[in-house]
Amino acid sequence: MHGGSGALVANGVVYGVLAGQLELLANELASVAQLVPSLPACVAAFAVLGLAGEVAAFCGVRARNSRRRLALLIAGATLALAGIFVMRFVFYMTHLAAGLGV
């Protein structure tokens, strides 16, 4: 398994476990489930974007045409970063102190 693929799978598992534990994470005002009701959809978006980025990067490495290679590698990096951004936004939404959701 490629290193990037292993990291994608590991992150997906961690985010899946987090999604299953949402009701347990709470303070006096709200639970994480109330702050981020769309977490399962965000985890799915992370997985899809990450996988699409992996596929594009793999195809870019295999491409013979240098312009096509560059375009696929840029697309792969952009897709992977978009998936990371989605989960980073969720991370900030889960702050129970004075996060974006309160």
Protein backbone atom coordinates (compact mmCIF):
# COMPACT_ATOMS: atom_id res chain seq x y z
CA MET A 1 0.00 0.00 0.00
CA HIS A 2 1.30 3.44 -0.89
CA GLY A 3 2.11 5.77 2.03
CA GLY A 4 -0.54 8.30 1.04
CA SER A 5 -3.16 5.59 0.74
CA GLY A 6 -2.29 4.26 4.18
CA ALA A 7 -2.62 7.72 5.70
CA LEU A 8 -5.96 8.22 3.94
CA VAL A 9 -7.30 4.94 5.33
CA ALA A 10 -5.98 5.67 8.84
CA ASN A 11 -7.54 9.15 8.85
CA GLY A 12 -10.83 7.76 7.57
CA VAL A 13 -10.90 5.21 10.40
CA VAL A 14 -10.12 7.86 13.03
CA TYR A 15 -12.81 10.18 11.68
CA GLY A 16 -15.28 7.28 11.56
CA VAL A 17 -14.61 6.49 15.22
CA LEU A 18 -15.02 10.17 16.08
CA ALA A 19 -18.36 10.24 14.28
CA GLY A 20 -19.51 7.29 16.40
CA GLN A 21 -18.59 9.05 19.65
CA LEU A 22 -20.24 12.43 19.08
CA GLU A 23 -22.83 12.23 21.85
CA LEU A 24 -20.12 11.56 24.44
CA LEU A 25 -18.28 14.78 23.64
CA ALA A 26 -20.17 17.63 25.28
CA ASN A 27 -20.05 20.48 27.72
CA GLU A 28 -22.80 22.24 29.69
CA LEU A 29 -24.13 24.03 26.61
CA ALA A 30 -24.01 21.62 23.70
CA SER A 31 -22.69 18.35 22.38
CA VAL A 32 -20.46 17.98 19.36
CA ALA A 33 -23.38 16.26 17.60
CA GLN A 34 -25.36 19.49 17.94
CA LEU A 35 -22.46 21.67 16.76
CA VAL A 36 -21.59 19.53 13.72
CA PRO A 37 -24.67 17.57 12.62
CA SER A 38 -23.13 17.05 9.17
CA LEU A 39 -20.02 15.22 10.40
CA PRO A 40 -20.84 11.90 8.66
CA ALA A 41 -21.30 13.72 5.35
CA CYS A 42 -18.03 15.58 5.89
CA VAL A 43 -16.19 12.31 6.60
CA ALA A 44 -17.63 10.88 3.38
CA ALA A 45 -16.55 14.01 1.45
CA PHE A 46 -13.05 13.69 2.93
CA ALA A 47 -12.84 10.05 1.85
CA VAL A 48 -14.12 10.74 -1.68
CA LEU A 49 -11.88 13.78 -2.23
CA GLY A 50 -8.87 11.99 -0.78
CA LEU A 51 -9.42 8.92 -2.92
CA ALA A 52 -9.94 11.03 -6.04
CA GLY A 53 -6.72 12.88 -5.25
CA GLU A 54 -4.84 9.60 -4.85
CA VAL A 55 -6.16 8.30 -8.17
CA ALA A 56 -5.32 11.54 -9.99
CA ALA A 57 -1.80 11.59 -8.54
CA PHE A 58 -1.25 7.94 -9.44
CA CYS A 59 -2.41 8.59 -13.00
CA GLY A 60 -0.19 11.67 -13.11
CA VAL A 61 2.87 9.66 -12.15
CA ARG A 62 2.06 7.15 -14.90
CA ALA A 63 1.32 9.74 -17.59
CA ARG A 64 3.82 10.03 -20.44
CA ASN A 65 2.85 13.51 -21.63
CA SER A 66 4.47 16.15 -19.40
CA ARG A 67 1.53 18.58 -19.58
CA ARG A 68 -0.94 15.84 -18.71
CA ARG A 69 1.34 14.69 -15.88
CA LEU A 70 1.52 18.18 -14.42
CA ALA A 71 -2.23 18.71 -14.72
CA LEU A 72 -3.01 15.39 -13.01
CA LEU A 73 -0.53 15.99 -10.21
CA ILE A 74 -1.93 19.46 -9.56
CA ALA A 75 -5.48 18.07 -9.64
CA GLY A 76 -4.51 15.30 -7.23
CA ALA A 77 -2.94 17.72 -4.77
CA THR A 78 -5.90 20.09 -5.03
CA LEU A 79 -8.44 17.32 -4.39
CA ALA A 80 -6.48 15.98 -1.41
CA LEU A 81 -6.13 19.46 0.08
CA ALA A 82 -9.85 20.09 -0.40
CA GLY A 83 -10.61 16.93 1.60
CA ILE A 84 -8.21 18.01 4.34
CA PHE A 85 -9.79 21.47 4.40
CA VAL A 86 -13.26 19.95 4.90
CA MET A 87 -12.11 18.03 7.96
CA ARG A 88 -10.09 20.98 9.27
CA PHE A 89 -13.26 23.08 9.17
CA VAL A 90 -15.07 20.32 11.07
CA PHE A 91 -12.26 20.33 13.63
CA TYR A 92 -12.84 24.01 14.33
CA MET A 93 -16.61 23.46 14.50
CA THR A 94 -16.13 20.82 17.21
CA HIS A 95 -14.49 23.19 19.67
CA LEU A 96 -16.85 23.39 22.59
CA ALA A 97 -15.42 26.59 24.02
CA ALA A 98 -16.10 29.45 21.63
CA GLY A 99 -15.94 27.63 18.30
CA LEU A 100 -17.69 28.57 15.12
CA GLY A 101 -20.82 26.59 15.99
CA VAL A 102 -21.72 28.49 19.18
